[in-house]
């Protein structure tokens, strides 16, 4: 399966690309700068240059599934959150639809269902909310994954994935990447929204 990973240079996206390759898929790492391509090409992974602030519709040719894992990051201001996390995601959805993509997986955030309740990152929650709602209304088959507070301690291989709201908690970035790959690999796009935290369910048992 040809899978376009938008945000492949990010911490989650990079792991998604490598895990998809290990699963036998054909990931395409979309990166913004030429110097970011070598890290993937050295591992036999295809790349495509695409900037979310410009036209990147060329990246979707022949793509079966799209993973949107891009984010502006915590060091940028609210303006870039709108540009990347909201408008970049919305344009990615539109490009995917125009290209006939079959399944769209997006990394959102816990709390995106109720942005008015957010405190100091209200702009971020609104951006994620708008992107999620646009995807749900697009007509594409989708899987929305809303992880809790992201950690870098290494994957456990087990999580708590629920269609219901869960109390806020932590989850490892590597486990988020593994859940995304599991969603792609099973290709069971049920148009559902999931919250994702640390837990006891083996990731290989999900989406079955």
N, C-alpha and C. Protein backbone atom coordinates (compact mmCIF):
# COMPACT_ATOMS: atom_id res chain seq x y z
N UNK A 1 0.84 -1.18 0.00
CA UNK A 1 0.00 0.00 0.00
C UNK A 1 0.89 1.25 0.00
N UNK A 2 0.57 2.20 -0.86
CA UNK A 2 1.32 3.45 -0.92
C UNK A 2 0.72 4.43 0.09
N UNK A 3 1.54 4.85 1.04
CA UNK A 3 1.07 5.68 2.15
C UNK A 3 1.87 6.98 2.20
N UNK A 4 1.20 8.09 2.01
CA UNK A 4 1.85 9.39 2.13
C UNK A 4 1.82 9.83 3.59
N UNK A 5 2.99 10.12 4.15
CA UNK A 5 3.09 10.58 5.53
C UNK A 5 3.44 12.06 5.51
N UNK A 6 2.48 12.88 5.88
CA UNK A 6 2.67 14.32 5.94
C UNK A 6 3.18 14.66 7.35
N UNK A 7 4.32 15.34 7.39
CA UNK A 7 4.97 15.58 8.68
C UNK A 7 5.97 14.48 9.00
N UNK A 8 6.57 13.91 7.96
CA UNK A 8 7.46 12.76 8.15
C UNK A 8 8.74 13.12 8.89
N UNK A 9 9.09 14.39 8.94
CA UNK A 9 10.30 14.78 9.63
C UNK A 9 10.07 15.00 11.13
N UNK A 10 8.83 14.92 11.56
CA UNK A 10 8.51 15.08 12.97
C UNK A 10 8.77 13.81 13.76
N UNK A 11 8.67 13.91 15.07
CA UNK A 11 9.03 12.78 15.93
C UNK A 11 8.12 11.58 15.72
N UNK A 12 6.82 11.80 15.60
CA UNK A 12 5.89 10.70 15.35
C UNK A 12 5.95 10.28 13.89
N UNK A 13 5.91 11.25 12.99
CA UNK A 13 5.90 10.95 11.57
C UNK A 13 7.09 10.13 11.12
N UNK A 14 8.26 10.45 11.65
CA UNK A 14 9.48 9.72 11.28
C UNK A 14 9.36 8.24 11.66
N UNK A 15 8.83 7.99 12.85
CA UNK A 15 8.65 6.61 13.28
C UNK A 15 7.57 5.89 12.47
N UNK A 16 6.53 6.62 12.10
CA UNK A 16 5.47 6.03 11.28
C UNK A 16 6.04 5.54 9.96
N UNK A 17 6.85 6.38 9.33
CA UNK A 17 7.45 6.02 8.04
C UNK A 17 8.27 4.73 8.16
N UNK A 18 9.12 4.66 9.17
CA UNK A 18 9.98 3.49 9.31
C UNK A 18 9.18 2.24 9.66
N UNK A 19 8.17 2.38 10.50
CA UNK A 19 7.34 1.23 10.86
C UNK A 19 6.51 0.74 9.68
N UNK A 20 6.04 1.66 8.85
CA UNK A 20 5.30 1.26 7.65
C UNK A 20 6.21 0.47 6.70
N UNK A 21 7.44 0.93 6.56
CA UNK A 21 8.41 0.23 5.72
C UNK A 21 8.65 -1.18 6.25
N UNK A 22 8.79 -1.30 7.57
CA UNK A 22 9.03 -2.61 8.19
C UNK A 22 7.84 -3.54 7.98
N UNK A 23 6.63 -2.97 7.85
CA UNK A 23 5.42 -3.77 7.65
C UNK A 23 5.22 -4.17 6.19
N UNK A 24 6.09 -3.69 5.32
CA UNK A 24 6.00 -4.06 3.91
C UNK A 24 5.20 -3.10 3.05
N UNK A 25 4.84 -1.95 3.61
CA UNK A 25 4.13 -0.94 2.82
C UNK A 25 5.13 -0.07 2.06
N UNK A 26 4.61 0.81 1.23
CA UNK A 26 5.44 1.74 0.46
C UNK A 26 5.20 3.16 0.95
N UNK A 27 5.82 3.54 2.08
CA UNK A 27 5.62 4.89 2.59
C UNK A 27 6.32 5.92 1.71
N UNK A 28 5.71 7.08 1.64
CA UNK A 28 6.32 8.23 0.98
C UNK A 28 6.42 9.33 2.03
N UNK A 29 7.63 9.71 2.36
CA UNK A 29 7.86 10.72 3.39
C UNK A 29 7.79 12.11 2.77
N UNK A 30 6.77 12.88 3.14
CA UNK A 30 6.70 14.25 2.66
C UNK A 30 7.45 15.15 3.61
N UNK A 31 8.47 15.82 3.07
CA UNK A 31 9.30 16.72 3.87
C UNK A 31 9.37 18.07 3.17
N UNK A 32 9.74 19.08 3.93
CA UNK A 32 9.70 20.46 3.42
C UNK A 32 11.01 20.87 2.77
N UNK A 33 12.13 20.27 3.20
CA UNK A 33 13.43 20.72 2.73
C UNK A 33 14.20 19.57 2.08
N UNK A 34 14.98 19.90 1.06
CA UNK A 34 15.78 18.92 0.34
C UNK A 34 16.72 18.18 1.28
N UNK A 35 17.30 18.88 2.25
CA UNK A 35 18.27 18.25 3.14
C UNK A 35 17.63 17.24 4.09
N UNK A 36 16.31 17.19 4.14
CA UNK A 36 15.61 16.23 5.00
C UNK A 36 15.36 14.90 4.30
N UNK A 37 15.66 14.82 3.02
CA UNK A 37 15.33 13.60 2.26
C UNK A 37 16.32 12.46 2.49
N UNK A 38 17.59 12.79 2.71
CA UNK A 38 18.64 11.77 2.75
C UNK A 38 18.41 10.74 3.85
N UNK A 39 17.93 11.18 5.01
CA UNK A 39 17.72 10.26 6.14
C UNK A 39 16.74 9.14 5.78
N UNK A 40 15.82 9.43 4.87
CA UNK A 40 14.86 8.41 4.44
C UNK A 40 15.39 7.63 3.23
N UNK A 41 15.95 8.33 2.28
CA UNK A 41 16.43 7.67 1.07
C UNK A 41 17.54 6.68 1.37
N UNK A 42 18.33 6.94 2.40
CA UNK A 42 19.39 6.00 2.80
C UNK A 42 18.81 4.67 3.27
N UNK A 43 17.54 4.68 3.67
CA UNK A 43 16.86 3.47 4.14
C UNK A 43 15.91 2.91 3.08
N UNK A 44 16.03 3.42 1.85
CA UNK A 44 15.20 2.93 0.76
C UNK A 44 13.77 3.41 0.81
N UNK A 45 13.55 4.53 1.46
CA UNK A 45 12.20 5.10 1.60
C UNK A 45 12.05 6.27 0.65
N UNK A 46 10.98 6.26 -0.13
CA UNK A 46 10.72 7.34 -1.07
C UNK A 46 10.36 8.62 -0.34
N UNK A 47 10.72 9.75 -0.94
CA UNK A 47 10.38 11.04 -0.37
C UNK A 47 9.74 11.92 -1.44
N UNK A 48 9.05 12.94 -0.98
CA UNK A 48 8.50 13.97 -1.87
C UNK A 48 8.59 15.29 -1.14
N UNK A 49 8.99 16.32 -1.87
CA UNK A 49 9.06 17.65 -1.28
C UNK A 49 7.68 18.29 -1.30
N UNK A 50 7.26 18.79 -0.14
CA UNK A 50 5.96 19.44 -0.05
C UNK A 50 5.94 20.39 1.13
N UNK A 51 5.46 21.58 0.90
CA UNK A 51 5.40 22.61 1.93
C UNK A 51 3.93 22.94 2.19
N UNK A 52 3.49 22.76 3.43
CA UNK A 52 2.09 23.00 3.78
C UNK A 52 1.68 24.46 3.60
N UNK A 53 2.65 25.35 3.46
CA UNK A 53 2.34 26.76 3.23
C UNK A 53 2.27 27.10 1.75
N UNK A 54 2.48 26.09 0.90
CA UNK A 54 2.44 26.29 -0.55
C UNK A 54 1.58 25.19 -1.17
N UNK A 55 1.57 25.10 -2.50
CA UNK A 55 0.82 24.05 -3.18
C UNK A 55 1.58 22.73 -3.07
N UNK A 56 0.97 21.71 -2.49
CA UNK A 56 1.62 20.41 -2.37
C UNK A 56 0.74 19.29 -2.93
N UNK A 57 -0.16 19.65 -3.83
CA UNK A 57 -1.10 18.67 -4.39
C UNK A 57 -0.40 17.59 -5.20
N UNK A 58 0.82 17.86 -5.69
CA UNK A 58 1.56 16.89 -6.48
C UNK A 58 1.94 15.65 -5.67
N UNK A 59 1.93 15.75 -4.34
CA UNK A 59 2.42 14.67 -3.48
C UNK A 59 1.46 13.49 -3.40
N UNK A 60 0.24 13.62 -3.91
CA UNK A 60 -0.80 12.63 -3.67
C UNK A 60 -1.00 11.64 -4.82
N UNK A 61 -0.20 11.73 -5.83
CA UNK A 61 -0.38 10.87 -7.01
C UNK A 61 -0.18 9.40 -6.66
N UNK A 62 -1.18 8.58 -6.93
CA UNK A 62 -1.10 7.14 -6.70
C UNK A 62 -1.16 6.72 -5.25
N UNK A 63 -1.51 7.63 -4.36
CA UNK A 63 -1.51 7.35 -2.92
C UNK A 63 -2.82 6.65 -2.51
N UNK A 64 -2.69 5.59 -1.72
CA UNK A 64 -3.86 4.87 -1.20
C UNK A 64 -4.34 5.43 0.13
N UNK A 65 -3.39 5.73 1.01
CA UNK A 65 -3.69 6.19 2.37
C UNK A 65 -2.83 7.40 2.71
N UNK A 66 -3.40 8.32 3.47
CA UNK A 66 -2.64 9.48 3.94
C UNK A 66 -2.61 9.45 5.47
N UNK A 67 -1.43 9.71 6.02
CA UNK A 67 -1.27 9.92 7.45
C UNK A 67 -0.85 11.37 7.64
N UNK A 68 -1.64 12.12 8.41
CA UNK A 68 -1.28 13.50 8.71
C UNK A 68 -0.75 13.56 10.14
N UNK A 69 0.56 13.73 10.25
CA UNK A 69 1.21 13.78 11.55
C UNK A 69 2.00 15.07 11.72
N UNK A 70 1.68 16.07 10.92
CA UNK A 70 2.40 17.34 10.98
C UNK A 70 1.90 18.18 12.14
N UNK A 71 2.77 19.04 12.63
CA UNK A 71 2.40 19.97 13.69
C UNK A 71 3.39 21.11 13.74
N UNK A 72 2.93 22.26 14.17
CA UNK A 72 3.80 23.43 14.20
C UNK A 72 4.82 23.38 15.33
N UNK A 73 4.55 22.59 16.36
CA UNK A 73 5.48 22.46 17.48
C UNK A 73 5.24 23.51 18.55
N UNK A 74 5.73 23.23 19.73
CA UNK A 74 5.47 24.08 20.87
C UNK A 74 6.24 25.39 20.87
N UNK A 75 7.26 25.52 20.01
CA UNK A 75 8.09 26.73 20.02
C UNK A 75 7.57 27.82 19.10
N UNK A 76 6.52 27.53 18.33
CA UNK A 76 5.96 28.53 17.43
C UNK A 76 4.74 29.18 18.06
N UNK A 77 4.31 30.26 17.48
CA UNK A 77 3.17 30.98 18.01
C UNK A 77 1.85 30.46 17.47
N UNK A 78 0.75 31.04 17.97
CA UNK A 78 -0.59 30.63 17.53
C UNK A 78 -0.80 30.76 16.02
N UNK A 79 -0.12 31.71 15.39
CA UNK A 79 -0.30 31.90 13.95
C UNK A 79 0.13 30.66 13.18
N UNK A 80 1.28 30.07 13.54
CA UNK A 80 1.76 28.88 12.84
C UNK A 80 0.92 27.66 13.18
N UNK A 81 0.35 27.63 14.37
CA UNK A 81 -0.57 26.55 14.71
C UNK A 81 -1.76 26.56 13.76
N UNK A 82 -2.29 27.73 13.48
CA UNK A 82 -3.40 27.84 12.52
C UNK A 82 -2.95 27.44 11.13
N UNK A 83 -1.77 27.91 10.73
CA UNK A 83 -1.26 27.63 9.38
C UNK A 83 -1.03 26.14 9.16
N UNK A 84 -0.40 25.47 10.13
CA UNK A 84 0.00 24.07 9.96
C UNK A 84 -1.07 23.10 10.46
N UNK A 85 -1.39 23.19 11.75
CA UNK A 85 -2.27 22.20 12.38
C UNK A 85 -3.71 22.30 11.87
N UNK A 86 -4.13 23.51 11.51
CA UNK A 86 -5.50 23.66 11.02
C UNK A 86 -5.55 23.72 9.50
N UNK A 87 -5.04 24.80 8.91
CA UNK A 87 -5.17 24.98 7.46
C UNK A 87 -4.37 23.95 6.67
N UNK A 88 -3.20 23.58 7.18
CA UNK A 88 -2.40 22.56 6.51
C UNK A 88 -3.12 21.22 6.49
N UNK A 89 -3.75 20.88 7.61
CA UNK A 89 -4.51 19.64 7.68
C UNK A 89 -5.73 19.69 6.76
N UNK A 90 -6.44 20.82 6.76
CA UNK A 90 -7.63 20.96 5.92
C UNK A 90 -7.27 20.82 4.44
N UNK A 91 -6.18 21.47 4.04
CA UNK A 91 -5.76 21.36 2.63
C UNK A 91 -5.31 19.95 2.29
N UNK A 92 -4.68 19.27 3.26
CA UNK A 92 -4.29 17.88 3.03
C UNK A 92 -5.51 17.00 2.80
N UNK A 93 -6.54 17.21 3.58
CA UNK A 93 -7.81 16.48 3.39
C UNK A 93 -8.37 16.74 1.99
N UNK A 94 -8.39 17.99 1.59
CA UNK A 94 -8.94 18.34 0.28
C UNK A 94 -8.12 17.72 -0.85
N UNK A 95 -6.80 17.77 -0.73
CA UNK A 95 -5.94 17.16 -1.74
C UNK A 95 -6.14 15.65 -1.81
N UNK A 96 -6.29 15.03 -0.64
CA UNK A 96 -6.51 13.58 -0.59
C UNK A 96 -7.82 13.21 -1.27
N UNK A 97 -8.84 13.98 -1.00
CA UNK A 97 -10.14 13.71 -1.61
C UNK A 97 -10.06 13.85 -3.13
N UNK A 98 -9.43 14.90 -3.59
CA UNK A 98 -9.30 15.13 -5.03
C UNK A 98 -8.49 14.04 -5.73
N UNK A 99 -7.58 13.42 -4.97
CA UNK A 99 -6.72 12.38 -5.54
C UNK A 99 -7.32 10.99 -5.42
N UNK A 100 -8.48 10.86 -4.80
CA UNK A 100 -9.12 9.56 -4.66
C UNK A 100 -8.52 8.68 -3.59
N UNK A 101 -7.93 9.29 -2.59
CA UNK A 101 -7.35 8.52 -1.48
C UNK A 101 -8.46 7.76 -0.74
N UNK A 102 -8.14 6.55 -0.30
CA UNK A 102 -9.16 5.67 0.29
C UNK A 102 -9.27 5.78 1.81
N UNK A 103 -8.21 6.16 2.49
CA UNK A 103 -8.21 6.15 3.96
C UNK A 103 -7.33 7.29 4.44
N UNK A 104 -7.81 8.05 5.42
CA UNK A 104 -7.08 9.19 5.95
C UNK A 104 -6.97 9.03 7.46
N UNK A 105 -5.74 8.99 7.96
CA UNK A 105 -5.48 8.88 9.39
C UNK A 105 -4.86 10.18 9.86
N UNK A 106 -5.44 10.80 10.88
CA UNK A 106 -4.92 12.07 11.37
C UNK A 106 -4.59 11.98 12.86
N UNK A 107 -3.48 12.60 13.23
CA UNK A 107 -3.10 12.69 14.63
C UNK A 107 -3.69 13.99 15.18
N UNK A 108 -4.62 13.88 16.08
CA UNK A 108 -5.27 15.02 16.68
C UNK A 108 -4.78 15.17 18.12
N UNK A 109 -5.66 15.48 19.03
CA UNK A 109 -5.27 15.62 20.43
C UNK A 109 -6.47 15.42 21.33
N UNK A 110 -6.24 14.79 22.48
CA UNK A 110 -7.30 14.76 23.48
C UNK A 110 -7.70 16.19 23.82
N UNK A 111 -8.99 16.43 23.93
CA UNK A 111 -9.48 17.77 24.19
C UNK A 111 -9.95 18.50 22.95
N UNK A 112 -9.64 17.95 21.78
CA UNK A 112 -10.04 18.61 20.53
C UNK A 112 -11.55 18.57 20.31
N UNK A 113 -12.24 17.71 21.04
CA UNK A 113 -13.69 17.65 20.92
C UNK A 113 -14.37 18.79 21.66
N UNK A 114 -13.65 19.43 22.57
CA UNK A 114 -14.24 20.50 23.39
C UNK A 114 -13.24 21.64 23.55
N UNK A 115 -12.92 22.35 22.48
CA UNK A 115 -11.88 23.38 22.55
C UNK A 115 -12.21 24.53 23.49
N UNK A 116 -13.49 24.80 23.72
CA UNK A 116 -13.86 25.90 24.62
C UNK A 116 -13.42 25.63 26.06
N UNK A 117 -13.22 24.36 26.38
CA UNK A 117 -12.83 24.01 27.75
C UNK A 117 -11.32 24.06 27.97
N UNK A 118 -10.57 24.29 26.89
CA UNK A 118 -9.11 24.34 27.02
C UNK A 118 -8.67 25.58 27.77
N UNK A 119 -7.48 25.51 28.36
CA UNK A 119 -6.95 26.64 29.12
C UNK A 119 -5.95 27.43 28.29
N UNK A 120 -4.66 27.17 28.49
CA UNK A 120 -3.64 28.02 27.87
C UNK A 120 -3.30 27.62 26.43
N UNK A 121 -3.85 26.53 25.93
CA UNK A 121 -3.58 26.15 24.54
C UNK A 121 -4.89 26.09 23.74
N UNK A 122 -5.75 27.03 24.02
CA UNK A 122 -7.06 27.04 23.36
C UNK A 122 -6.92 27.12 21.83
N UNK A 123 -5.98 27.92 21.34
CA UNK A 123 -5.79 28.04 19.89
C UNK A 123 -5.42 26.70 19.26
N UNK A 124 -4.61 25.91 19.98
CA UNK A 124 -4.20 24.59 19.49
C UNK A 124 -5.40 23.65 19.43
N UNK A 125 -6.21 23.65 20.46
CA UNK A 125 -7.38 22.77 20.49
C UNK A 125 -8.39 23.16 19.41
N UNK A 126 -8.55 24.46 19.19
CA UNK A 126 -9.45 24.89 18.12
C UNK A 126 -8.93 24.47 16.75
N UNK A 127 -7.62 24.57 16.56
CA UNK A 127 -7.03 24.16 15.28
C UNK A 127 -7.26 22.67 15.03
N UNK A 128 -7.00 21.86 16.05
CA UNK A 128 -7.22 20.42 15.91
C UNK A 128 -8.70 20.11 15.70
N UNK A 129 -9.56 20.82 16.41
CA UNK A 129 -11.00 20.61 16.28
C UNK A 129 -11.46 20.92 14.86
N UNK A 130 -11.03 22.06 14.32
CA UNK A 130 -11.44 22.44 12.96
C UNK A 130 -10.96 21.42 11.94
N UNK A 131 -9.73 20.96 12.10
CA UNK A 131 -9.20 19.96 11.17
C UNK A 131 -9.98 18.65 11.24
N UNK A 132 -10.27 18.21 12.46
CA UNK A 132 -11.03 16.97 12.64
C UNK A 132 -12.42 17.08 12.02
N UNK A 133 -13.08 18.19 12.27
CA UNK A 133 -14.44 18.37 11.75
C UNK A 133 -14.44 18.43 10.23
N UNK A 134 -13.43 19.04 9.66
CA UNK A 134 -13.34 19.10 8.19
C UNK A 134 -13.15 17.70 7.61
N UNK A 135 -12.32 16.90 8.27
CA UNK A 135 -12.10 15.53 7.81
C UNK A 135 -13.39 14.72 7.91
N UNK A 136 -14.09 14.86 9.01
CA UNK A 136 -15.33 14.10 9.19
C UNK A 136 -16.39 14.46 8.15
N UNK A 137 -16.38 15.69 7.70
CA UNK A 137 -17.37 16.15 6.74
C UNK A 137 -16.93 15.95 5.28
N UNK A 138 -15.72 15.44 5.09
CA UNK A 138 -15.14 15.38 3.75
C UNK A 138 -15.69 14.27 2.87
N UNK A 139 -16.22 13.23 3.50
CA UNK A 139 -16.63 12.06 2.73
C UNK A 139 -15.54 11.00 2.62
N UNK A 140 -14.34 11.32 3.07
CA UNK A 140 -13.25 10.34 3.09
C UNK A 140 -13.46 9.34 4.23
N UNK A 141 -12.99 8.12 4.03
CA UNK A 141 -12.92 7.17 5.15
C UNK A 141 -11.79 7.63 6.07
N UNK A 142 -12.09 7.75 7.35
CA UNK A 142 -11.10 8.35 8.25
C UNK A 142 -10.93 7.58 9.54
N UNK A 143 -9.76 7.80 10.15
CA UNK A 143 -9.47 7.37 11.51
C UNK A 143 -8.81 8.55 12.21
N UNK A 144 -9.46 9.07 13.25
CA UNK A 144 -8.93 10.19 14.01
C UNK A 144 -8.40 9.66 15.34
N UNK A 145 -7.13 9.91 15.60
CA UNK A 145 -6.49 9.44 16.82
C UNK A 145 -6.11 10.64 17.67
N UNK A 146 -6.63 10.66 18.90
CA UNK A 146 -6.40 11.78 19.81
C UNK A 146 -5.58 11.31 21.01
N UNK A 147 -4.25 11.43 20.92
CA UNK A 147 -3.40 10.99 22.04
C UNK A 147 -3.41 11.98 23.18
N UNK A 148 -3.01 11.49 24.35
CA UNK A 148 -2.83 12.34 25.52
C UNK A 148 -1.48 13.03 25.47
N UNK A 149 -0.92 13.32 26.63
CA UNK A 149 0.37 14.01 26.71
C UNK A 149 1.48 13.11 26.18
N UNK A 150 2.20 13.59 25.17
CA UNK A 150 3.18 12.77 24.48
C UNK A 150 4.49 12.68 25.26
N UNK A 151 5.01 11.44 25.33
CA UNK A 151 6.24 11.16 26.07
C UNK A 151 7.26 10.49 25.14
N UNK A 152 8.53 10.54 25.55
CA UNK A 152 9.62 9.98 24.72
C UNK A 152 10.41 8.89 25.43
N UNK A 153 9.75 8.11 26.27
CA UNK A 153 10.46 7.08 27.04
C UNK A 153 10.56 5.74 26.33
N UNK A 154 10.03 5.65 25.11
CA UNK A 154 10.09 4.38 24.39
C UNK A 154 8.76 3.66 24.44
N UNK A 155 8.45 2.95 23.37
CA UNK A 155 7.16 2.28 23.28
C UNK A 155 7.03 1.10 24.21
N UNK A 156 5.81 0.85 24.64
CA UNK A 156 5.51 -0.30 25.48
C UNK A 156 4.83 -1.41 24.70
N UNK A 157 4.26 -1.05 23.53
CA UNK A 157 3.52 -2.02 22.73
C UNK A 157 2.10 -2.25 23.21
N UNK A 158 1.72 -1.51 24.26
CA UNK A 158 0.36 -1.65 24.80
C UNK A 158 -0.22 -0.26 25.07
N UNK A 159 -1.52 -0.13 24.81
CA UNK A 159 -2.17 1.18 24.97
C UNK A 159 -3.61 1.01 25.44
N UNK A 160 -4.25 2.13 25.70
CA UNK A 160 -5.69 2.18 25.91
C UNK A 160 -6.28 3.04 24.80
N UNK A 161 -7.00 2.40 23.89
CA UNK A 161 -7.63 3.08 22.76
C UNK A 161 -9.14 2.95 22.91
N UNK A 162 -9.82 4.09 22.93
CA UNK A 162 -11.25 4.06 23.22
C UNK A 162 -12.00 5.08 22.38
N UNK A 163 -13.22 4.71 21.98
CA UNK A 163 -14.10 5.67 21.31
C UNK A 163 -14.72 6.63 22.31
N UNK A 164 -14.61 6.31 23.59
CA UNK A 164 -15.13 7.17 24.64
C UNK A 164 -14.03 8.11 25.14
N UNK A 165 -14.43 9.22 25.73
CA UNK A 165 -13.46 10.11 26.36
C UNK A 165 -12.82 9.40 27.55
N UNK A 166 -11.53 9.59 27.68
CA UNK A 166 -10.81 9.03 28.82
C UNK A 166 -10.24 10.20 29.64
N UNK A 167 -9.99 9.94 30.92
CA UNK A 167 -9.32 10.94 31.74
C UNK A 167 -7.94 11.21 31.15
N UNK A 168 -7.55 12.47 31.15
CA UNK A 168 -6.29 12.85 30.50
C UNK A 168 -5.11 12.12 31.13
N UNK A 169 -4.17 11.69 30.29
CA UNK A 169 -3.00 10.98 30.76
C UNK A 169 -1.89 11.03 29.73
N UNK A 170 -0.93 10.13 29.87
CA UNK A 170 0.25 10.12 29.01
C UNK A 170 0.19 8.99 28.00
N UNK A 171 1.02 9.13 26.96
CA UNK A 171 1.22 8.04 25.99
C UNK A 171 2.56 8.29 25.30
N UNK A 172 3.26 7.20 25.01
CA UNK A 172 4.57 7.31 24.35
C UNK A 172 4.41 7.61 22.86
N UNK A 173 5.27 8.48 22.36
CA UNK A 173 5.22 8.81 20.93
C UNK A 173 5.38 7.55 20.06
N UNK A 174 6.27 6.65 20.47
CA UNK A 174 6.47 5.43 19.69
C UNK A 174 5.21 4.59 19.63
N UNK A 175 4.47 4.54 20.74
CA UNK A 175 3.22 3.79 20.74
C UNK A 175 2.17 4.47 19.86
N UNK A 176 2.16 5.80 19.83
CA UNK A 176 1.25 6.50 18.92
C UNK A 176 1.56 6.13 17.48
N UNK A 177 2.84 6.13 17.14
CA UNK A 177 3.25 5.75 15.79
C UNK A 177 2.83 4.32 15.47
N UNK A 178 2.98 3.42 16.42
CA UNK A 178 2.60 2.02 16.20
C UNK A 178 1.10 1.87 16.00
N UNK A 179 0.32 2.64 16.75
CA UNK A 179 -1.14 2.59 16.59
C UNK A 179 -1.54 3.10 15.22
N UNK A 180 -0.90 4.18 14.76
CA UNK A 180 -1.18 4.69 13.42
C UNK A 180 -0.89 3.63 12.37
N UNK A 181 0.25 3.00 12.49
CA UNK A 181 0.63 1.96 11.51
C UNK A 181 -0.33 0.78 11.57
N UNK A 182 -0.79 0.44 12.75
CA UNK A 182 -1.76 -0.65 12.88
C UNK A 182 -3.07 -0.27 12.18
N UNK A 183 -3.47 1.00 12.32
CA UNK A 183 -4.69 1.47 11.65
C UNK A 183 -4.55 1.40 10.13
N UNK A 184 -3.37 1.76 9.65
CA UNK A 184 -3.11 1.70 8.21
C UNK A 184 -3.04 0.25 7.75
N UNK A 185 -2.35 -0.57 8.51
CA UNK A 185 -2.10 -1.95 8.11
C UNK A 185 -3.38 -2.77 8.05
N UNK A 186 -4.27 -2.59 9.03
CA UNK A 186 -5.53 -3.33 9.01
C UNK A 186 -6.49 -2.74 7.98
N UNK A 187 -6.27 -1.45 7.65
CA UNK A 187 -7.07 -0.75 6.64
C UNK A 187 -8.56 -0.84 6.92
N UNK A 188 -8.90 -0.78 8.20
CA UNK A 188 -10.30 -0.87 8.60
C UNK A 188 -10.78 0.52 8.98
N UNK A 189 -11.05 1.30 7.95
CA UNK A 189 -11.47 2.70 8.15
C UNK A 189 -12.95 2.74 8.49
N UNK A 190 -13.24 2.91 9.76
CA UNK A 190 -14.63 2.85 10.21
C UNK A 190 -15.20 4.22 10.55
N UNK A 191 -14.49 5.28 10.14
CA UNK A 191 -14.95 6.64 10.41
C UNK A 191 -15.21 6.85 11.90
N UNK A 192 -14.14 6.59 12.66
CA UNK A 192 -14.25 6.69 14.11
C UNK A 192 -13.17 7.62 14.68
N UNK A 193 -13.48 8.13 15.88
CA UNK A 193 -12.56 8.99 16.63
C UNK A 193 -12.15 8.25 17.90
N UNK A 194 -10.85 8.17 18.14
CA UNK A 194 -10.34 7.43 19.30
C UNK A 194 -9.49 8.33 20.19
N UNK A 195 -9.61 8.15 21.50
CA UNK A 195 -8.63 8.71 22.42
C UNK A 195 -7.59 7.63 22.72
N UNK A 196 -6.34 8.06 22.91
CA UNK A 196 -5.23 7.12 23.03
C UNK A 196 -4.35 7.48 24.22
N UNK A 197 -4.19 6.50 25.11
CA UNK A 197 -3.36 6.67 26.30
C UNK A 197 -2.54 5.40 26.55
N UNK A 198 -1.67 5.48 27.54
CA UNK A 198 -1.01 4.26 28.00
C UNK A 198 -2.07 3.27 28.48
N UNK A 199 -1.78 1.99 28.32
CA UNK A 199 -2.77 1.01 28.74
C UNK A 199 -2.25 -0.40 28.65
N UNK A 200 -3.18 -1.36 28.61
CA UNK A 200 -2.81 -2.77 28.67
C UNK A 200 -3.17 -3.57 27.42
N UNK A 201 -3.76 -2.94 26.43
CA UNK A 201 -4.17 -3.66 25.21
C UNK A 201 -3.02 -3.71 24.22
N UNK A 202 -2.61 -4.91 23.80
CA UNK A 202 -1.55 -5.01 22.79
C UNK A 202 -1.95 -4.29 21.50
N UNK A 203 -1.05 -3.51 20.96
CA UNK A 203 -1.37 -2.73 19.77
C UNK A 203 -1.73 -3.63 18.59
N UNK A 204 -1.10 -4.80 18.52
CA UNK A 204 -1.39 -5.69 17.40
C UNK A 204 -2.82 -6.24 17.43
N UNK A 205 -3.52 -6.05 18.54
CA UNK A 205 -4.91 -6.52 18.65
C UNK A 205 -5.92 -5.45 18.27
N UNK A 206 -5.46 -4.25 17.95
CA UNK A 206 -6.38 -3.14 17.65
C UNK A 206 -6.93 -3.20 16.24
N UNK A 207 -8.08 -2.59 16.03
CA UNK A 207 -8.72 -2.42 14.71
C UNK A 207 -9.02 -3.75 14.04
N UNK A 208 -9.39 -4.74 14.82
CA UNK A 208 -9.69 -6.05 14.24
C UNK A 208 -11.13 -6.44 14.55
